[in-house]
PDB file of all heavy atoms in Angstrom:
ATOM      1  N   ALA A   1       7.442  50.718 -44.832  1.00  0.00           N
ATOM      2  CA  ALA A   1       6.579  51.865 -44.841  1.00  0.00           C
ATOM      3  C   ALA A   1       5.759  51.948 -46.133  1.00  0.00           C
ATOM      4  O   ALA A   1       4.620  52.385 -46.136  1.00  0.00           O
ATOM      5  CB  ALA A   1       7.335  53.119 -44.695  1.00  0.00           C
ATOM      6  N   PHE A   2       6.296  51.478 -47.198  1.00  0.00           N
ATOM      7  CA  PHE A   2       5.653  51.693 -48.569  1.00  0.00           C
ATOM      8  C   PHE A   2       4.901  50.552 -49.053  1.00  0.00           C
ATOM      9  O   PHE A   2       4.223  50.658 -50.168  1.00  0.00           O
ATOM     10  CB  PHE A   2       6.684  52.164 -49.550  1.00  0.00           C
ATOM     11  CG  PHE A   2       7.422  53.444 -49.324  1.00  0.00           C
ATOM     12  CD1 PHE A   2       8.679  53.600 -49.727  1.00  0.00           C
ATOM     13  CD2 PHE A   2       6.892  54.324 -48.373  1.00  0.00           C
ATOM     14  CE1 PHE A   2       9.348  54.833 -49.484  1.00  0.00           C
ATOM     15  CE2 PHE A   2       7.514  55.508 -48.127  1.00  0.00           C
ATOM     16  CZ  PHE A   2       8.811  55.748 -48.603  1.00  0.00           C
ATOM     17  N   VAL A   3       4.985  49.424 -48.439  1.00  0.00           N
ATOM     18  CA  VAL A   3       4.167  48.271 -48.940  1.00  0.00           C
ATOM     19  C   VAL A   3       2.669  48.474 -48.875  1.00  0.00           C
ATOM     20  O   VAL A   3       2.218  49.051 -47.780  1.00  0.00           O
ATOM     21  CB  VAL A   3       4.551  47.002 -48.204  1.00  0.00           C
ATOM     22  CG1 VAL A   3       3.455  45.829 -48.416  1.00  0.00           C
ATOM     23  CG2 VAL A   3       5.880  46.462 -48.605  1.00  0.00           C
ATOM     24  N   ARG A   4       1.971  48.273 -49.967  1.00  0.00           N
ATOM     25  CA  ARG A   4       0.484  48.496 -49.890  1.00  0.00           C
ATOM     26  C   ARG A   4      -0.142  47.190 -50.314  1.00  0.00           C
ATOM     27  O   ARG A   4       0.143  46.649 -51.485  1.00  0.00           O
ATOM     28  CB  ARG A   4       0.100  49.601 -50.925  1.00  0.00           C
ATOM     29  CG  ARG A   4       0.650  50.904 -50.595  1.00  0.00           C
ATOM     30  CD  ARG A   4      -0.064  51.506 -49.344  1.00  0.00           C
ATOM     31  NE  ARG A   4       0.409  52.862 -48.972  1.00  0.00           N
ATOM     32  CZ  ARG A   4       1.376  53.242 -48.280  1.00  0.00           C
ATOM     33  NH1 ARG A   4       2.062  52.248 -47.662  1.00  0.00           N
ATOM     34  NH2 ARG A   4       1.710  54.460 -48.048  1.00  0.00           N
ATOM     35  N   PHE A   5      -1.053  46.615 -49.523  1.00  0.00           N
ATOM     36  CA  PHE A   5      -1.673  45.366 -49.817  1.00  0.00           C
ATOM     37  C   PHE A   5      -2.926  45.545 -50.544  1.00  0.00           C
ATOM     38  O   PHE A   5      -3.650  46.535 -50.327  1.00  0.00           O
ATOM     39  CB  PHE A   5      -1.884  44.543 -48.503  1.00  0.00           C
ATOM     40  CG  PHE A   5      -0.722  44.037 -47.853  1.00  0.00           C
ATOM     41  CD1 PHE A   5      -0.073  44.649 -46.796  1.00  0.00           C
ATOM     42  CD2 PHE A   5      -0.093  42.872 -48.318  1.00  0.00           C
ATOM     43  CE1 PHE A   5       0.997  44.125 -46.119  1.00  0.00           C
ATOM     44  CE2 PHE A   5       0.970  42.328 -47.670  1.00  0.00           C
ATOM     45  CZ  PHE A   5       1.569  42.943 -46.620  1.00  0.00           C
ATOM     46  N   ARG A   6      -3.333  44.561 -51.425  1.00  0.00           N
ATOM     47  CA  ARG A   6      -4.689  44.510 -52.039  1.00  0.00           C
ATOM     48  C   ARG A   6      -5.278  43.228 -51.834  1.00  0.00           C
ATOM     49  O   ARG A   6      -4.633  42.127 -51.924  1.00  0.00           O
ATOM     50  CB  ARG A   6      -4.361  44.738 -53.610  1.00  0.00           C
ATOM     51  CG  ARG A   6      -3.590  46.062 -53.862  1.00  0.00           C
ATOM     52  CD  ARG A   6      -3.250  46.181 -55.278  1.00  0.00           C
ATOM     53  NE  ARG A   6      -4.347  46.313 -56.195  1.00  0.00           N
ATOM     54  CZ  ARG A   6      -4.303  46.249 -57.609  1.00  0.00           C
ATOM     55  NH1 ARG A   6      -3.138  46.071 -58.147  1.00  0.00           N
ATOM     56  NH2 ARG A   6      -5.327  46.423 -58.289  1.00  0.00           N
ATOM     57  N   LEU A   7      -6.532  43.163 -51.466  1.00  0.00           N
ATOM     58  CA  LEU A   7      -7.155  41.970 -51.131  1.00  0.00           C
ATOM     59  C   LEU A   7      -7.534  41.270 -52.409  1.00  0.00           C
ATOM     60  O   LEU A   7      -8.277  41.836 -53.297  1.00  0.00           O
ATOM     61  CB  LEU A   7      -8.375  42.135 -50.351  1.00  0.00           C
ATOM     62  CG  LEU A   7      -9.220  40.966 -49.878  1.00  0.00           C
ATOM     63  CD1 LEU A   7      -8.413  40.083 -48.981  1.00  0.00           C
ATOM     64  CD2 LEU A   7     -10.507  41.547 -49.146  1.00  0.00           C
ATOM     65  N   ILE A   8      -7.213  39.921 -52.583  1.00  0.00           N
ATOM     66  CA  ILE A   8      -7.604  39.163 -53.765  1.00  0.00           C
ATOM     67  C   ILE A   8      -8.811  38.231 -53.385  1.00  0.00           C
ATOM     68  O   ILE A   8      -9.115  38.173 -52.199  1.00  0.00           O
ATOM     69  CB  ILE A   8      -6.417  38.312 -54.344  1.00  0.00           C
ATOM     70  CG1 ILE A   8      -5.869  37.360 -53.366  1.00  0.00           C
ATOM     71  CG2 ILE A   8      -5.301  39.306 -54.907  1.00  0.00           C
ATOM     72  CD1 ILE A   8      -4.796  36.483 -53.877  1.00  0.00           C
ATOM     73  N   ALA A   9      -9.370  37.642 -54.363  1.00  0.00           N
ATOM     74  CA  ALA A   9     -10.634  36.910 -54.112  1.00  0.00           C
ATOM     75  C   ALA A   9     -10.626  35.762 -53.080  1.00  0.00           C
ATOM     76  O   ALA A   9     -11.586  35.449 -52.513  1.00  0.00           O
ATOM     77  CB  ALA A   9     -11.134  36.354 -55.458  1.00  0.00           C
ATOM     78  N   ASP A  10      -9.399  35.167 -53.019  1.00  0.00           N
ATOM     79  CA  ASP A  10      -9.394  34.061 -51.956  1.00  0.00           C
ATOM     80  C   ASP A  10      -8.935  34.503 -50.564  1.00  0.00           C
ATOM     81  O   ASP A  10      -8.268  33.830 -49.831  1.00  0.00           O
ATOM     82  CB  ASP A  10      -8.516  32.944 -52.398  1.00  0.00           C
ATOM     83  CG  ASP A  10      -7.110  33.439 -52.919  1.00  0.00           C
ATOM     84  OD1 ASP A  10      -6.896  34.649 -52.797  1.00  0.00           O
ATOM     85  OD2 ASP A  10      -6.313  32.593 -53.358  1.00  0.00           O
ATOM     86  N   SER A  11      -9.206  35.775 -50.166  1.00  0.00           N
ATOM     87  CA  SER A  11      -9.029  36.352 -48.910  1.00  0.00           C
ATOM     88  C   SER A  11      -7.445  36.366 -48.518  1.00  0.00           C
ATOM     89  O   SER A  11      -7.138  36.172 -47.286  1.00  0.00           O
ATOM     90  CB  SER A  11      -9.782  35.529 -47.888  1.00  0.00           C
ATOM     91  OG  SER A  11     -11.183  35.513 -48.049  1.00  0.00           O
ATOM     92  N   VAL A  12      -6.624  36.568 -49.392  1.00  0.00           N
ATOM     93  CA  VAL A  12      -5.241  36.885 -49.097  1.00  0.00           C
ATOM     94  C   VAL A  12      -4.820  38.350 -49.601  1.00  0.00           C
ATOM     95  O   VAL A  12      -5.278  38.730 -50.646  1.00  0.00           O
ATOM     96  CB  VAL A  12      -4.381  35.823 -49.947  1.00  0.00           C
ATOM     97  CG1 VAL A  12      -2.914  36.023 -49.749  1.00  0.00           C
ATOM     98  CG2 VAL A  12      -4.665  34.392 -49.586  1.00  0.00           C
ATOM     99  N   PHE A  13      -4.130  38.866 -48.656  1.00  0.00           N
ATOM    100  CA  PHE A  13      -3.726  40.271 -49.069  1.00  0.00           C
ATOM    101  C   PHE A  13      -2.327  40.241 -49.703  1.00  0.00           C
ATOM    102  O   PHE A  13      -1.436  39.544 -49.226  1.00  0.00           O
ATOM    103  CB  PHE A  13      -3.580  41.160 -47.721  1.00  0.00           C
ATOM    104  CG  PHE A  13      -4.904  41.495 -47.150  1.00  0.00           C
ATOM    105  CD1 PHE A  13      -5.614  40.626 -46.347  1.00  0.00           C
ATOM    106  CD2 PHE A  13      -5.553  42.772 -47.483  1.00  0.00           C
ATOM    107  CE1 PHE A  13      -6.754  41.049 -45.748  1.00  0.00           C
ATOM    108  CE2 PHE A  13      -6.744  43.095 -46.992  1.00  0.00           C
ATOM    109  CZ  PHE A  13      -7.408  42.230 -46.107  1.00  0.00           C
ATOM    110  N   VAL A  14      -2.224  40.786 -50.866  1.00  0.00           N
ATOM    111  CA  VAL A  14      -1.082  40.675 -51.704  1.00  0.00           C
ATOM    112  C   VAL A  14      -0.449  42.017 -52.011  1.00  0.00           C
ATOM    113  O   VAL A  14      -1.143  42.984 -52.283  1.00  0.00           O
ATOM    114  CB  VAL A  14      -1.350  39.957 -53.088  1.00  0.00           C
ATOM    115  CG1 VAL A  14      -0.116  39.839 -53.905  1.00  0.00           C
ATOM    116  CG2 VAL A  14      -1.986  38.576 -52.781  1.00  0.00           C
ATOM    117  N   ALA A  15       0.929  42.105 -51.945  1.00  0.00           N
ATOM    118  CA  ALA A  15       1.592  43.263 -52.357  1.00  0.00           C
ATOM    119  C   ALA A  15       2.728  42.901 -53.299  1.00  0.00           C
ATOM    120  O   ALA A  15       3.334  41.839 -53.091  1.00  0.00           O
ATOM    121  CB  ALA A  15       2.127  43.970 -51.181  1.00  0.00           C
ATOM    122  N   GLU A  16       3.128  43.864 -54.186  1.00  0.00           N
ATOM    123  CA  GLU A  16       4.309  43.760 -55.034  1.00  0.00           C
ATOM    124  C   GLU A  16       5.337  44.802 -54.709  1.00  0.00           C
ATOM    125  O   GLU A  16       4.856  45.955 -54.404  1.00  0.00           O
ATOM    126  CB  GLU A  16       3.803  43.694 -56.508  1.00  0.00           C
ATOM    127  CG  GLU A  16       3.089  42.506 -56.891  1.00  0.00           C
ATOM    128  CD  GLU A  16       2.978  42.459 -58.448  1.00  0.00           C
ATOM    129  OE1 GLU A  16       2.246  43.372 -58.972  1.00  0.00           O
ATOM    130  OE2 GLU A  16       3.513  41.624 -59.113  1.00  0.00           O
ATOM    131  N   ILE A  17       6.581  44.437 -54.769  1.00  0.00           N
ATOM    132  CA  ILE A  17       7.671  45.467 -54.475  1.00  0.00           C
ATOM    133  C   ILE A  17       8.786  45.138 -55.512  1.00  0.00           C
ATOM    134  O   ILE A  17       8.945  44.032 -56.092  1.00  0.00           O
ATOM    135  CB  ILE A  17       8.193  45.326 -53.055  1.00  0.00           C
ATOM    136  CG1 ILE A  17       8.769  43.975 -52.743  1.00  0.00           C
ATOM    137  CG2 ILE A  17       7.108  45.716 -52.042  1.00  0.00           C
ATOM    138  CD1 ILE A  17       9.349  43.891 -51.384  1.00  0.00           C
ATOM    139  N   GLU A  18       9.679  46.146 -55.655  1.00  0.00           N
ATOM    140  CA  GLU A  18      10.910  45.982 -56.458  1.00  0.00           C
ATOM    141  C   GLU A  18      12.012  46.648 -55.758  1.00  0.00           C
ATOM    142  O   GLU A  18      12.534  47.750 -56.228  1.00  0.00           O
ATOM    143  CB  GLU A  18      10.648  46.592 -57.890  1.00  0.00           C
ATOM    144  CG  GLU A  18       9.816  45.735 -58.755  1.00  0.00           C
ATOM    145  CD  GLU A  18       9.804  46.348 -60.197  1.00  0.00           C
ATOM    146  OE1 GLU A  18      10.876  46.331 -60.854  1.00  0.00           O
ATOM    147  OE2 GLU A  18       8.685  46.782 -60.530  1.00  0.00           O
ATOM    148  N   PRO A  19      12.447  46.245 -54.555  1.00  0.00           N
ATOM    149  CA  PRO A  19      13.435  46.860 -53.849  1.00  0.00           C
ATOM    150  C   PRO A  19      14.886  46.896 -54.525  1.00  0.00           C
ATOM    151  O   PRO A  19      15.106  45.971 -55.317  1.00  0.00           O
ATOM    152  CB  PRO A  19      13.572  46.050 -52.426  1.00  0.00           C
ATOM    153  CG  PRO A  19      13.070  44.700 -52.839  1.00  0.00           C
ATOM    154  CD  PRO A  19      12.006  44.847 -53.944  1.00  0.00           C
ATOM    155  N   ASP A  20      15.632  47.820 -54.212  1.00  0.00           N
ATOM    156  CA  ASP A  20      16.967  47.974 -54.817  1.00  0.00           C
ATOM    157  C   ASP A  20      17.801  46.817 -54.253  1.00  0.00           C
ATOM    158  O   ASP A  20      18.738  46.343 -54.992  1.00  0.00           O
ATOM    159  CB  ASP A  20      17.572  49.291 -54.459  1.00  0.00           C
ATOM    160  CG  ASP A  20      16.929  50.475 -55.179  1.00  0.00           C
ATOM    161  OD1 ASP A  20      16.292  50.228 -56.302  1.00  0.00           O
ATOM    162  OD2 ASP A  20      17.196  51.576 -54.760  1.00  0.00           O
ATOM    163  N   PHE A  21      17.660  46.385 -53.057  1.00  0.00           N
ATOM    164  CA  PHE A  21      18.392  45.346 -52.433  1.00  0.00           C
ATOM    165  C   PHE A  21      17.481  44.131 -52.015  1.00  0.00           C
ATOM    166  O   PHE A  21      16.223  44.329 -51.882  1.00  0.00           O
ATOM    167  CB  PHE A  21      19.164  45.897 -51.200  1.00  0.00           C
ATOM    168  CG  PHE A  21      19.895  47.115 -51.482  1.00  0.00           C
ATOM    169  CD1 PHE A  21      19.585  48.252 -50.918  1.00  0.00           C
ATOM    170  CD2 PHE A  21      20.995  47.069 -52.309  1.00  0.00           C
ATOM    171  CE1 PHE A  21      20.262  49.469 -51.252  1.00  0.00           C
ATOM    172  CE2 PHE A  21      21.770  48.212 -52.642  1.00  0.00           C
ATOM    173  CZ  PHE A  21      21.379  49.432 -52.112  1.00  0.00           C
ATOM    174  N   ASN A  22      18.109  43.056 -51.774  1.00  0.00           N
ATOM    175  CA  ASN A  22      17.241  41.819 -51.490  1.00  0.00           C
ATOM    176  C   ASN A  22      16.948  41.930 -49.979  1.00  0.00           C
ATOM    177  O   ASN A  22      17.409  41.076 -49.145  1.00  0.00           O
ATOM    178  CB  ASN A  22      18.103  40.559 -51.782  1.00  0.00           C
ATOM    179  CG  ASN A  22      17.279  39.352 -51.628  1.00  0.00           C
ATOM    180  OD1 ASN A  22      16.044  39.339 -51.571  1.00  0.00           O
ATOM    181  ND2 ASN A  22      18.073  38.171 -51.424  1.00  0.00           N
ATOM    182  N   VAL A  23      15.862  42.723 -49.696  1.00  0.00           N
ATOM    183  CA  VAL A  23      15.469  42.844 -48.254  1.00  0.00           C
ATOM    184  C   VAL A  23      14.387  41.889 -47.737  1.00  0.00           C
ATOM    185  O   VAL A  23      14.068  41.925 -46.670  1.00  0.00           O
ATOM    186  CB  VAL A  23      15.072  44.366 -48.104  1.00  0.00           C
ATOM    187  CG1 VAL A  23      16.121  45.335 -48.264  1.00  0.00           C
ATOM    188  CG2 VAL A  23      13.839  44.724 -48.914  1.00  0.00           C
ATOM    189  N   MET A  24      13.879  41.052 -48.780  1.00  0.00           N
ATOM    190  CA  MET A  24      12.751  40.181 -48.377  1.00  0.00           C
ATOM    191  C   MET A  24      13.033  39.349 -47.017  1.00  0.00           C
ATOM    192  O   MET A  24      12.191  39.324 -46.122  1.00  0.00           O
ATOM    193  CB  MET A  24      12.478  39.260 -49.516  1.00  0.00           C
ATOM    194  CG  MET A  24      11.133  38.600 -49.329  1.00  0.00           C
ATOM    195  SD  MET A  24       9.741  39.661 -49.581  1.00  0.00           S
ATOM    196  CE  MET A  24       9.775  39.660 -51.445  1.00  0.00           C
ATOM    197  N   PRO A  25      14.206  38.817 -46.856  1.00  0.00           N
ATOM    198  CA  PRO A  25      14.472  38.064 -45.670  1.00  0.00           C
ATOM    199  C   PRO A  25      14.482  38.770 -44.359  1.00  0.00           C
ATOM    200  O   PRO A  25      14.240  38.315 -43.270  1.00  0.00           O
ATOM    201  CB  PRO A  25      15.821  37.388 -45.885  1.00  0.00           C
ATOM    202  CG  PRO A  25      16.137  37.414 -47.408  1.00  0.00           C
ATOM    203  CD  PRO A  25      15.352  38.693 -47.864  1.00  0.00           C
ATOM    204  N   ILE A  26      14.681  40.119 -44.437  1.00  0.00           N
ATOM    205  CA  ILE A  26      14.738  40.930 -43.267  1.00  0.00           C
ATOM    206  C   ILE A  26      13.534  41.713 -42.916  1.00  0.00           C
ATOM    207  O   ILE A  26      13.466  42.488 -41.971  1.00  0.00           O
ATOM    208  CB  ILE A  26      16.039  41.781 -43.157  1.00  0.00           C
ATOM    209  CG1 ILE A  26      16.012  42.713 -44.433  1.00  0.00           C
ATOM    210  CG2 ILE A  26      17.269  40.891 -43.197  1.00  0.00           C
ATOM    211  CD1 ILE A  26      17.264  43.691 -44.340  1.00  0.00           C
ATOM    212  N   ILE A  27      12.468  41.644 -43.803  1.00  0.00           N
ATOM    213  CA  ILE A  27      11.237  42.436 -43.565  1.00  0.00           C
ATOM    214  C   ILE A  27      10.180  41.429 -43.101  1.00  0.00           C
ATOM    215  O   ILE A  27       9.108  41.846 -42.653  1.00  0.00           O
ATOM    216  CB  ILE A  27      10.795  43.233 -44.731  1.00  0.00           C
ATOM    217  CG1 ILE A  27      10.301  42.277 -45.870  1.00  0.00           C
ATOM    218  CG2 ILE A  27      11.844  44.167 -45.183  1.00  0.00           C
ATOM    219  CD1 ILE A  27       9.780  43.007 -47.066  1.00  0.00           C
ATOM    220  N   ALA A  28      10.369  40.173 -43.095  1.00  0.00           N
ATOM    221  CA  ALA A  28       9.365  39.120 -42.747  1.00  0.00           C
ATOM    222  C   ALA A  28       8.889  39.324 -41.305  1.00  0.00           C
ATOM    223  O   ALA A  28       7.669  39.376 -41.048  1.00  0.00           O
ATOM    224  CB  ALA A  28       9.905  37.784 -42.951  1.00  0.00           C
ATOM    225  N   LYS A  29       9.812  39.555 -40.407  1.00  0.00           N
ATOM    226  CA  LYS A  29       9.517  39.718 -38.968  1.00  0.00           C
ATOM    227  C   LYS A  29       8.477  40.938 -38.738  1.00  0.00           C
ATOM    228  O   LYS A  29       7.514  40.770 -38.029  1.00  0.00           O
ATOM    229  CB  LYS A  29      10.687  39.841 -38.097  1.00  0.00           C
ATOM    230  CG  LYS A  29      10.412  40.015 -36.636  1.00  0.00           C
ATOM    231  CD  LYS A  29      11.798  40.117 -35.885  1.00  0.00           C
ATOM    232  CE  LYS A  29      11.476  40.280 -34.381  1.00  0.00           C
ATOM    233  NZ  LYS A  29      12.740  40.405 -33.572  1.00  0.00           N
TER     234      LYS A  29
END
């Protein structure tokens, strides 16, 4: 819900997060 993307110059949308738990593998889908 809280991820916010920002468009960088090479047409890739980038977001940074610092989750309390290692949720990266389970948010990919």
